[in-house]
All heavy atoms as atom14 arrays in JSON, in Angstrom:
{
  "sequence": "NSVTTYDDSVKGRFTISRDYAKNTVTLEMTSLKVEDS",
  "atom14_mask": [
    [1, 1, 1, 1, 1, 1, 1, 1, 0, 0, 0, 0, 0, 0],
    [1, 1, 1, 1, 1, 1, 0, 0, 0, 0, 0, 0, 0, 0],
    [1, 1, 1, 1, 1, 1, 1, 0, 0, 0, 0, 0, 0, 0],
    [1, 1, 1, 1, 1, 1, 1, 0, 0, 0, 0, 0, 0, 0],
    [1, 1, 1, 1, 1, 1, 1, 0, 0, 0, 0, 0, 0, 0],
    [1, 1, 1, 1, 1, 1, 1, 1, 1, 1, 1, 1, 0, 0],
    [1, 1, 1, 1, 1, 1, 1, 1, 0, 0, 0, 0, 0, 0],
    [1, 1, 1, 1, 1, 1, 1, 1, 0, 0, 0, 0, 0, 0],
    [1, 1, 1, 1, 1, 1, 0, 0, 0, 0, 0, 0, 0, 0],
    [1, 1, 1, 1, 1, 1, 1, 0, 0, 0, 0, 0, 0, 0],
    [1, 1, 1, 1, 1, 1, 1, 1, 1, 0, 0, 0, 0, 0],
    [1, 1, 1, 1, 0, 0, 0, 0, 0, 0, 0, 0, 0, 0],
    [1, 1, 1, 1, 1, 1, 1, 1, 1, 1, 1, 0, 0, 0],
    [1, 1, 1, 1, 1, 1, 1, 1, 1, 1, 1, 0, 0, 0],
    [1, 1, 1, 1, 1, 1, 1, 0, 0, 0, 0, 0, 0, 0],
    [1, 1, 1, 1, 1, 1, 1, 1, 0, 0, 0, 0, 0, 0],
    [1, 1, 1, 1, 1, 1, 0, 0, 0, 0, 0, 0, 0, 0],
    [1, 1, 1, 1, 1, 1, 1, 1, 1, 1, 1, 0, 0, 0],
    [1, 1, 1, 1, 1, 1, 1, 1, 0, 0, 0, 0, 0, 0],
    [1, 1, 1, 1, 1, 1, 1, 1, 1, 1, 1, 1, 0, 0],
    [1, 1, 1, 1, 1, 0, 0, 0, 0, 0, 0, 0, 0, 0],
    [1, 1, 1, 1, 1, 1, 1, 1, 1, 0, 0, 0, 0, 0],
    [1, 1, 1, 1, 1, 1, 1, 1, 0, 0, 0, 0, 0, 0],
    [1, 1, 1, 1, 1, 1, 1, 0, 0, 0, 0, 0, 0, 0],
    [1, 1, 1, 1, 1, 1, 1, 0, 0, 0, 0, 0, 0, 0],
    [1, 1, 1, 1, 1, 1, 1, 0, 0, 0, 0, 0, 0, 0],
    [1, 1, 1, 1, 1, 1, 1, 1, 0, 0, 0, 0, 0, 0],
    [1, 1, 1, 1, 1, 1, 1, 1, 1, 0, 0, 0, 0, 0],
    [1, 1, 1, 1, 1, 1, 1, 1, 0, 0, 0, 0, 0, 0],
    [1, 1, 1, 1, 1, 1, 1, 0, 0, 0, 0, 0, 0, 0],
    [1, 1, 1, 1, 1, 1, 0, 0, 0, 0, 0, 0, 0, 0],
    [1, 1, 1, 1, 1, 1, 1, 1, 0, 0, 0, 0, 0, 0],
    [1, 1, 1, 1, 1, 1, 1, 1, 1, 0, 0, 0, 0, 0],
    [1, 1, 1, 1, 1, 1, 1, 0, 0, 0, 0, 0, 0, 0],
    [1, 1, 1, 1, 1, 1, 1, 1, 1, 0, 0, 0, 0, 0],
    [1, 1, 1, 1, 1, 1, 1, 1, 0, 0, 0, 0, 0, 0],
    [1, 1, 1, 1, 1, 1, 0, 0, 0, 0, 0, 0, 0, 0]
  ],
  "atom14_positions": [
    [[5.95, 16.19, 1.55], [4.57, 15.84, 1.82], [4.5, 14.41, 2.36], [5.42, 13.65, 2.15], [3.71, 15.98, 0.61], [3.74, 17.39, 0.0], [4.57, 17.69, -0.86], [2.82, 18.2, 0.45], [0.0, 0.0, 0.0], [0.0, 0.0, 0.0], [0.0, 0.0, 0.0], [0.0, 0.0, 0.0], [0.0, 0.0, 0.0], [0.0, 0.0, 0.0]],
    [[3.47, 14.14, 3.01], [3.19, 12.76, 3.52], [1.81, 12.32, 3.1], [1.02, 11.91, 3.92], [3.4, 12.7, 5.02], [4.72, 13.04, 5.43], [0.0, 0.0, 0.0], [0.0, 0.0, 0.0], [0.0, 0.0, 0.0], [0.0, 0.0, 0.0], [0.0, 0.0, 0.0], [0.0, 0.0, 0.0], [0.0, 0.0, 0.0], [0.0, 0.0, 0.0]],
    [[1.57, 12.43, 1.81], [0.25, 12.12, 1.28], [0.17, 10.74, 0.69], [1.01, 10.41, -0.14], [-0.16, 13.17, 0.17], [-1.54, 12.85, -0.37], [-0.12, 14.56, 0.8], [0.0, 0.0, 0.0], [0.0, 0.0, 0.0], [0.0, 0.0, 0.0], [0.0, 0.0, 0.0], [0.0, 0.0, 0.0], [0.0, 0.0, 0.0], [0.0, 0.0, 0.0]],
    [[-0.77, 9.98, 1.09], [-1.04, 8.66, 0.55], [-2.48, 8.6, 0.1], [-3.36, 9.15, 0.72], [-0.77, 7.53, 1.5], [-1.54, 7.68, 2.68], [0.74, 7.53, 1.86], [0.0, 0.0, 0.0], [0.0, 0.0, 0.0], [0.0, 0.0, 0.0], [0.0, 0.0, 0.0], [0.0, 0.0, 0.0], [0.0, 0.0, 0.0], [0.0, 0.0, 0.0]],
    [[-2.76, 7.87, -1.0], [-4.08, 7.7, -1.55], [-4.29, 6.26, -1.86], [-3.4, 5.57, -2.39], [-4.29, 8.59, -2.78], [-3.98, 9.95, -2.47], [-5.7, 8.51, -3.25], [0.0, 0.0, 0.0], [0.0, 0.0, 0.0], [0.0, 0.0, 0.0], [0.0, 0.0, 0.0], [0.0, 0.0, 0.0], [0.0, 0.0, 0.0], [0.0, 0.0, 0.0]],
    [[-5.5, 5.72, -1.61], [-5.82, 4.39, -1.8], [-7.15, 4.25, -2.58], [-8.08, 5.03, -2.35], [-5.96, 3.56, -0.52], [-4.74, 3.56, 0.33], [-4.5, 4.55, 1.24], [-3.78, 2.58, 0.15], [-3.35, 4.56, 2.04], [-2.6, 2.56, 0.91], [-2.43, 3.57, 1.86], [-1.25, 3.53, 2.63], [0.0, 0.0, 0.0], [0.0, 0.0, 0.0]],
    [[-7.2, 3.31, -3.47], [-8.47, 2.98, -4.08], [-9.37, 2.39, -3.04], [-8.91, 1.7, -2.1], [-8.26, 1.99, -5.23], [-9.55, 1.69, -5.97], [-9.99, 2.5, -6.79], [-10.1, 0.59, -5.67], [0.0, 0.0, 0.0], [0.0, 0.0, 0.0], [0.0, 0.0, 0.0], [0.0, 0.0, 0.0], [0.0, 0.0, 0.0], [0.0, 0.0, 0.0]],
    [[-10.67, 2.62, -3.15], [-11.58, 2.14, -2.19], [-11.55, 0.6, -1.98], [-11.84, 0.1, -0.92], [-13.01, 2.56, -2.53], [-13.3, 4.02, -2.28], [-12.52, 4.62, -1.51], [-14.23, 4.58, -2.84], [0.0, 0.0, 0.0], [0.0, 0.0, 0.0], [0.0, 0.0, 0.0], [0.0, 0.0, 0.0], [0.0, 0.0, 0.0], [0.0, 0.0, 0.0]],
    [[-11.21, -0.06, -3.04], [-11.17, -1.49, -3.01], [-10.1, -2.11, -2.1], [-10.21, -3.26, -1.65], [-10.98, -2.12, -4.41], [-9.74, -1.78, -4.94], [0.0, 0.0, 0.0], [0.0, 0.0, 0.0], [0.0, 0.0, 0.0], [0.0, 0.0, 0.0], [0.0, 0.0, 0.0], [0.0, 0.0, 0.0], [0.0, 0.0, 0.0], [0.0, 0.0, 0.0]],
    [[-9.08, -1.27, -1.78], [-7.98, -1.76, -0.95], [-7.8, -0.93, 0.35], [-6.97, -1.33, 1.18], [-6.63, -1.73, -1.71], [-6.76, -2.52, -3.01], [-6.19, -0.32, -2.04], [0.0, 0.0, 0.0], [0.0, 0.0, 0.0], [0.0, 0.0, 0.0], [0.0, 0.0, 0.0], [0.0, 0.0, 0.0], [0.0, 0.0, 0.0], [0.0, 0.0, 0.0]],
    [[-8.58, 0.1, 0.48], [-8.49, 0.96, 1.67], [-8.71, 0.17, 2.94], [-9.71, -0.59, 3.05], [-9.44, 2.09, 1.59], [-9.26, 3.26, 2.53], [-10.15, 4.43, 2.22], [-9.82, 5.03, 0.84], [-10.67, 6.19, 0.54], [0.0, 0.0, 0.0], [0.0, 0.0, 0.0], [0.0, 0.0, 0.0], [0.0, 0.0, 0.0], [0.0, 0.0, 0.0]],
    [[-7.82, 0.34, 3.91], [-7.95, -0.38, 5.13], [-7.22, -1.72, 5.14], [-7.0, -2.33, 6.19], [0.0, 0.0, 0.0], [0.0, 0.0, 0.0], [0.0, 0.0, 0.0], [0.0, 0.0, 0.0], [0.0, 0.0, 0.0], [0.0, 0.0, 0.0], [0.0, 0.0, 0.0], [0.0, 0.0, 0.0], [0.0, 0.0, 0.0], [0.0, 0.0, 0.0]],
    [[-6.8, -2.18, 3.94], [-6.14, -3.47, 3.85], [-4.7, -3.32, 3.35], [-3.82, -4.06, 3.73], [-6.9, -4.39, 2.87], [-8.32, -4.72, 3.32], [-8.93, -5.79, 2.47], [-9.01, -5.41, 1.08], [-8.4, -5.99, 0.05], [-7.65, -7.06, 0.25], [-8.65, -5.56, -1.2], [0.0, 0.0, 0.0], [0.0, 0.0, 0.0], [0.0, 0.0, 0.0]],
    [[-4.5, -2.31, 2.48], [-3.16, -2.08, 1.89], [-2.53, -0.87, 2.53], [-3.25, 0.14, 2.86], [-3.25, -1.9, 0.4], [-3.57, -3.14, -0.39], [-4.03, -4.27, 0.25], [-3.46, -3.17, -1.78], [-4.38, -5.43, -0.48], [-3.77, -4.29, -2.5], [-4.23, -5.43, -1.88], [0.0, 0.0, 0.0], [0.0, 0.0, 0.0], [0.0, 0.0, 0.0]],
    [[-1.19, -0.84, 2.65], [-0.51, 0.31, 3.15], [0.71, 0.58, 2.27], [1.55, -0.34, 2.05], [-0.05, 0.13, 4.62], [-1.18, -0.12, 5.45], [0.66, 1.36, 5.12], [0.0, 0.0, 0.0], [0.0, 0.0, 0.0], [0.0, 0.0, 0.0], [0.0, 0.0, 0.0], [0.0, 0.0, 0.0], [0.0, 0.0, 0.0], [0.0, 0.0, 0.0]],
    [[0.83, 1.79, 1.82], [1.99, 2.19, 1.0], [2.95, 3.05, 1.88], [2.51, 3.86, 2.67], [1.58, 2.96, -0.28], [2.76, 3.19, -1.23], [0.89, 4.29, 0.07], [2.34, 3.72, -2.56], [0.0, 0.0, 0.0], [0.0, 0.0, 0.0], [0.0, 0.0, 0.0], [0.0, 0.0, 0.0], [0.0, 0.0, 0.0], [0.0, 0.0, 0.0]],
    [[4.24, 2.78, 1.72], [5.2, 3.54, 2.49], [6.51, 3.69, 1.69], [6.65, 3.08, 0.61], [5.52, 2.79, 3.83], [6.03, 1.51, 3.57], [0.0, 0.0, 0.0], [0.0, 0.0, 0.0], [0.0, 0.0, 0.0], [0.0, 0.0, 0.0], [0.0, 0.0, 0.0], [0.0, 0.0, 0.0], [0.0, 0.0, 0.0], [0.0, 0.0, 0.0]],
    [[7.4, 4.49, 2.2], [8.66, 4.81, 1.49], [9.82, 4.7, 2.42], [9.71, 4.94, 3.61], [8.61, 6.16, 0.8], [8.41, 7.31, 1.76], [8.02, 8.55, 1.12], [7.7, 9.63, 2.04], [7.05, 10.75, 1.79], [6.56, 10.96, 0.55], [6.78, 11.63, 2.74], [0.0, 0.0, 0.0], [0.0, 0.0, 0.0], [0.0, 0.0, 0.0]],
    [[11.01, 4.38, 1.86], [12.24, 4.33, 2.62], [13.28, 5.07, 1.71], [13.81, 4.46, 0.75], [12.67, 2.9, 2.87], [13.87, 2.79, 3.75], [14.7, 3.76, 3.83], [14.04, 1.76, 4.42], [0.0, 0.0, 0.0], [0.0, 0.0, 0.0], [0.0, 0.0, 0.0], [0.0, 0.0, 0.0], [0.0, 0.0, 0.0], [0.0, 0.0, 0.0]],
    [[13.61, 6.28, 2.02], [14.52, 7.05, 1.19], [15.94, 6.52, 1.2], [16.65, 6.56, 0.23], [14.52, 8.5, 1.65], [13.26, 9.24, 1.34], [12.64, 10.01, 2.28], [12.64, 9.18, 0.06], [11.48, 10.7, 2.07], [11.51, 9.85, -0.19], [10.91, 10.65, 0.78], [9.72, 11.32, 0.52], [0.0, 0.0, 0.0], [0.0, 0.0, 0.0]],
    [[16.34, 5.92, 2.33], [17.68, 5.36, 2.41], [17.87, 4.22, 1.43], [18.97, 4.01, 0.92], [17.96, 4.92, 3.83], [0.0, 0.0, 0.0], [0.0, 0.0, 0.0], [0.0, 0.0, 0.0], [0.0, 0.0, 0.0], [0.0, 0.0, 0.0], [0.0, 0.0, 0.0], [0.0, 0.0, 0.0], [0.0, 0.0, 0.0], [0.0, 0.0, 0.0]],
    [[16.81, 3.48, 1.18], [16.86, 2.35, 0.26], [16.26, 2.65, -1.07], [16.2, 1.78, -1.91], [16.15, 1.13, 0.9], [16.76, 0.62, 2.14], [15.98, -0.51, 2.74], [16.61, -1.06, 4.02], [15.86, -2.22, 4.6], [0.0, 0.0, 0.0], [0.0, 0.0, 0.0], [0.0, 0.0, 0.0], [0.0, 0.0, 0.0], [0.0, 0.0, 0.0]],
    [[15.76, 3.88, -1.25], [15.13, 4.25, -2.53], [14.01, 3.29, -2.92], [13.81, 2.91, -4.04], [16.17, 4.38, -3.66], [16.4, 5.76, -4.13], [16.38, 6.7, -3.31], [16.56, 5.96, -5.41], [0.0, 0.0, 0.0], [0.0, 0.0, 0.0], [0.0, 0.0, 0.0], [0.0, 0.0, 0.0], [0.0, 0.0, 0.0], [0.0, 0.0, 0.0]],
    [[13.21, 2.97, -1.86], [12.27, 1.88, -2.03], [10.89, 2.31, -1.55], [10.76, 2.95, -0.53], [12.68, 0.62, -1.27], [13.98, 0.16, -1.82], [11.65, -0.48, -1.4], [0.0, 0.0, 0.0], [0.0, 0.0, 0.0], [0.0, 0.0, 0.0], [0.0, 0.0, 0.0], [0.0, 0.0, 0.0], [0.0, 0.0, 0.0], [0.0, 0.0, 0.0]],
    [[9.86, 1.92, -2.31], [8.48, 2.12, -1.91], [7.91, 0.69, -1.71], [8.08, -0.18, -2.55], [7.67, 2.88, -2.97], [6.17, 2.84, -2.61], [8.18, 4.31, -3.0], [0.0, 0.0, 0.0], [0.0, 0.0, 0.0], [0.0, 0.0, 0.0], [0.0, 0.0, 0.0], [0.0, 0.0, 0.0], [0.0, 0.0, 0.0], [0.0, 0.0, 0.0]],
    [[7.17, 0.52, -0.63], [6.6, -0.76, -0.3], [5.13, -0.71, -0.29], [4.54, 0.3, 0.16], [7.17, -1.21, 1.11], [8.56, -1.38, 1.06], [6.55, -2.54, 1.52], [0.0, 0.0, 0.0], [0.0, 0.0, 0.0], [0.0, 0.0, 0.0], [0.0, 0.0, 0.0], [0.0, 0.0, 0.0], [0.0, 0.0, 0.0], [0.0, 0.0, 0.0]],
    [[4.5, -1.75, -0.73], [3.03, -1.91, -0.59], [2.83, -3.18, 0.23], [3.0, -4.29, -0.24], [2.41, -2.11, -2.02], [0.86, -2.19, -1.97], [0.28, -0.84, -1.62], [0.33, -2.63, -3.36], [0.0, 0.0, 0.0], [0.0, 0.0, 0.0], [0.0, 0.0, 0.0], [0.0, 0.0, 0.0], [0.0, 0.0, 0.0], [0.0, 0.0, 0.0]],
    [[2.32, -2.91, 1.46], [1.95, -4.02, 2.34], [0.51, -4.37, 2.16], [-0.4, -3.51, 2.33], [2.24, -3.63, 3.8], [3.73, -3.33, 4.09], [3.99, -2.9, 5.5], [3.02, -2.92, 6.31], [5.15, -2.58, 5.83], [0.0, 0.0, 0.0], [0.0, 0.0, 0.0], [0.0, 0.0, 0.0], [0.0, 0.0, 0.0], [0.0, 0.0, 0.0]],
    [[0.26, -5.6, 1.82], [-1.06, -6.04, 1.51], [-1.49, -7.09, 2.59], [-0.83, -8.06, 2.8], [-1.19, -6.64, 0.16], [-0.66, -5.73, -0.98], [-0.8, -6.44, -2.63], [0.37, -7.81, -2.47], [0.0, 0.0, 0.0], [0.0, 0.0, 0.0], [0.0, 0.0, 0.0], [0.0, 0.0, 0.0], [0.0, 0.0, 0.0], [0.0, 0.0, 0.0]],
    [[-2.65, -6.84, 3.23], [-3.17, -7.77, 4.19], [-4.62, -8.11, 3.8], [-5.24, -7.46, 2.96], [-3.15, -7.17, 5.58], [-3.98, -6.01, 5.66], [-1.73, -6.78, 5.96], [0.0, 0.0, 0.0], [0.0, 0.0, 0.0], [0.0, 0.0, 0.0], [0.0, 0.0, 0.0], [0.0, 0.0, 0.0], [0.0, 0.0, 0.0], [0.0, 0.0, 0.0]],
    [[-5.16, -9.1, 4.48], [-6.51, -9.6, 4.23], [-6.78, -9.71, 2.75], [-7.83, -9.26, 2.22], [-7.55, -8.58, 4.87], [-7.31, -8.47, 6.24], [0.0, 0.0, 0.0], [0.0, 0.0, 0.0], [0.0, 0.0, 0.0], [0.0, 0.0, 0.0], [0.0, 0.0, 0.0], [0.0, 0.0, 0.0], [0.0, 0.0, 0.0], [0.0, 0.0, 0.0]],
    [[-5.88, -10.37, 2.06], [-5.94, -10.5, 0.61], [-7.14, -11.32, 0.17], [-7.55, -12.28, 0.85], [-4.67, -11.13, 0.13], [-3.48, -10.17, 0.04], [-2.15, -10.92, -0.11], [-3.62, -9.19, -1.16], [0.0, 0.0, 0.0], [0.0, 0.0, 0.0], [0.0, 0.0, 0.0], [0.0, 0.0, 0.0], [0.0, 0.0, 0.0], [0.0, 0.0, 0.0]],
    [[-7.7, -10.86, -0.92], [-8.88, -11.52, -1.5], [-8.51, -12.07, -2.85], [-7.55, -11.59, -3.52], [-10.02, -10.48, -1.66], [-10.4, -9.78, -0.4], [-11.45, -8.72, -0.68], [-11.83, -7.99, 0.59], [-12.85, -6.88, 0.31], [0.0, 0.0, 0.0], [0.0, 0.0, 0.0], [0.0, 0.0, 0.0], [0.0, 0.0, 0.0], [0.0, 0.0, 0.0]],
    [[-9.28, -13.02, -3.34], [-9.02, -13.65, -4.66], [-9.03, -12.5, -5.75], [-8.19, -12.59, -6.66], [-10.03, -14.73, -4.96], [-9.9, -15.2, -6.43], [-9.89, -15.85, -4.02], [0.0, 0.0, 0.0], [0.0, 0.0, 0.0], [0.0, 0.0, 0.0], [0.0, 0.0, 0.0], [0.0, 0.0, 0.0], [0.0, 0.0, 0.0], [0.0, 0.0, 0.0]],
    [[-9.91, -11.59, -5.6], [-10.0, -10.53, -6.59], [-8.79, -9.56, -6.57], [-8.73, -8.67, -7.45], [-11.31, -9.73, -6.41], [-11.54, -9.25, -5.02], [-12.48, -10.14, -4.23], [-12.3, -11.34, -4.31], [-13.38, -9.58, -3.54], [0.0, 0.0, 0.0], [0.0, 0.0, 0.0], [0.0, 0.0, 0.0], [0.0, 0.0, 0.0], [0.0, 0.0, 0.0]],
    [[-7.9, -9.68, -5.62], [-6.7, -8.91, -5.58], [-5.63, -9.46, -6.56], [-4.62, -8.82, -6.8], [-6.09, -8.81, -4.21], [-6.93, -8.02, -3.23], [-7.47, -7.0, -3.61], [-7.06, -8.42, -2.06], [0.0, 0.0, 0.0], [0.0, 0.0, 0.0], [0.0, 0.0, 0.0], [0.0, 0.0, 0.0], [0.0, 0.0, 0.0], [0.0, 0.0, 0.0]],
    [[-5.88, -10.69, -7.06], [-4.96, -11.35, -7.93], [-4.76, -10.48, -9.21], [-5.75, -10.06, -9.85], [-5.41, -12.7, -8.33], [-5.49, -13.59, -7.2], [0.0, 0.0, 0.0], [0.0, 0.0, 0.0], [0.0, 0.0, 0.0], [0.0, 0.0, 0.0], [0.0, 0.0, 0.0], [0.0, 0.0, 0.0], [0.0, 0.0, 0.0], [0.0, 0.0, 0.0]]
  ]
}
C-alpha cells in the first residue's frame, strides 16, 4: 500500500516517506511553527 495520513495541523507542511533499503521512515517538516515544538 502507499497510504499516508496526516493530522490537519501538519497537512501540507509535513511529508512522511519510507526507504526500505535503509529500513528508514522520514518525516520532512517545512514551514515550521512554534507550536510544532
